[in-house]
Amino acid sequence: MSVARALEFLKQAPQDQGLRERLEACSGREAIAQLTRIASEAGYVFSQDDYREAVRLLAEGELDQAALDEVMREAGFE
């Protein structure tokens, strides 16, 4: 599970018509669970908490150094 994978998914999903269509169907109280299931099926495995953290980071407009370090580490650039 990984915030980095959630960030990757959030950046990729808008570019993938199939993912966009599936995500548009997510709604209600289970929307995040549905989203993480769809992401997992597409190869992006992360938890609901990872997703929430990724959204928070994107909303702030930048990654703090610890988050950037985690993304780099998980991507194998350490």
Protein backbone atom coordinates (compact mmCIF):
# COMPACT_ATOMS: atom_id res chain seq x y z
CA MET A 1 0.00 0.00 0.00
CA SER A 2 1.36 3.33 -0.88
CA VAL A 3 0.62 7.00 -1.16
CA ALA A 4 2.98 7.02 -4.15
CA ARG A 5 0.83 4.48 -6.00
CA ALA A 6 -2.28 6.51 -5.19
CA LEU A 7 -0.61 9.61 -6.61
CA GLU A 8 0.37 7.71 -9.75
CA PHE A 9 -3.21 6.50 -10.13
CA LEU A 10 -4.64 9.99 -9.68
CA LYS A 11 -2.34 11.28 -12.39
CA GLN A 12 -3.02 8.38 -14.79
CA ALA A 13 -6.78 7.97 -14.37
CA PRO A 14 -7.80 11.17 -16.21
CA GLN A 15 -5.82 10.00 -19.26
CA ASP A 16 -7.45 6.55 -19.40
CA GLN A 17 -10.97 6.55 -20.88
CA GLY A 18 -11.85 3.15 -19.41
CA LEU A 19 -10.75 4.15 -15.91
CA ARG A 20 -12.59 7.46 -16.17
CA GLU A 21 -15.82 5.73 -17.10
CA ARG A 22 -15.53 3.25 -14.24
CA LEU A 23 -14.65 5.97 -11.74
CA GLU A 24 -17.60 8.11 -12.80
CA ALA A 25 -19.85 5.31 -11.55
CA CYS A 26 -18.39 5.51 -8.03
CA SER A 27 -20.75 7.22 -5.65
CA GLY A 28 -22.18 7.26 -2.19
CA ARG A 29 -20.68 6.09 1.05
CA GLU A 30 -18.65 3.38 -0.64
CA ALA A 31 -17.11 5.59 -3.35
CA ILE A 32 -13.56 5.43 -2.01
CA ALA A 33 -13.78 1.67 -1.49
CA GLN A 34 -15.04 1.34 -5.07
CA LEU A 35 -12.24 3.58 -6.32
CA THR A 36 -9.51 1.62 -4.54
CA ARG A 37 -10.95 -1.64 -5.90
CA ILE A 38 -10.92 -0.26 -9.46
CA ALA A 39 -7.40 1.03 -8.97
CA SER A 40 -6.24 -2.34 -7.66
CA GLU A 41 -7.72 -4.10 -10.68
CA ALA A 42 -5.72 -1.67 -12.85
CA GLY A 43 -2.50 -2.49 -10.98
CA TYR A 44 -2.45 0.44 -8.56
CA VAL A 45 -2.65 -1.06 -5.08
CA PHE A 46 -3.18 1.38 -2.21
CA SER A 47 -5.40 1.74 0.82
CA GLN A 48 -8.25 4.15 1.35
CA ASP A 49 -6.04 6.07 3.78
CA ASP A 50 -3.29 6.24 1.12
CA TYR A 51 -5.86 7.66 -1.30
CA ARG A 52 -7.01 10.29 1.19
CA GLU A 53 -3.39 11.32 1.86
CA ALA A 54 -2.66 11.55 -1.87
CA VAL A 55 -5.71 13.76 -2.41
CA ARG A 56 -4.63 15.94 0.51
CA LEU A 57 -1.14 16.31 -0.95
CA LEU A 58 -2.49 17.19 -4.37
CA ALA A 59 -4.91 19.71 -2.87
CA GLU A 60 -2.02 21.45 -1.17
CA GLY A 61 -0.34 21.76 -4.55
CA GLU A 62 2.95 20.26 -3.56
CA LEU A 63 4.54 17.38 -1.74
CA ASP A 64 6.42 18.03 1.47
CA GLN A 65 9.95 16.64 1.62
CA ALA A 66 8.95 13.50 3.54
CA ALA A 67 6.25 12.67 0.96
CA LEU A 68 8.61 13.40 -1.92
CA ASP A 69 11.24 11.16 -0.32
CA GLU A 70 8.66 8.36 0.01
CA VAL A 71 7.62 8.70 -3.62
CA MET A 72 11.25 8.60 -4.75
CA ARG A 73 12.07 5.63 -2.49
CA GLU A 74 9.09 3.61 -3.66
CA ALA A 75 9.86 4.42 -7.27
CA GLY A 76 13.38 3.04 -6.76
CA PHE A 77 15.26 6.32 -7.05
CA GLU A 78 16.89 6.21 -3.64
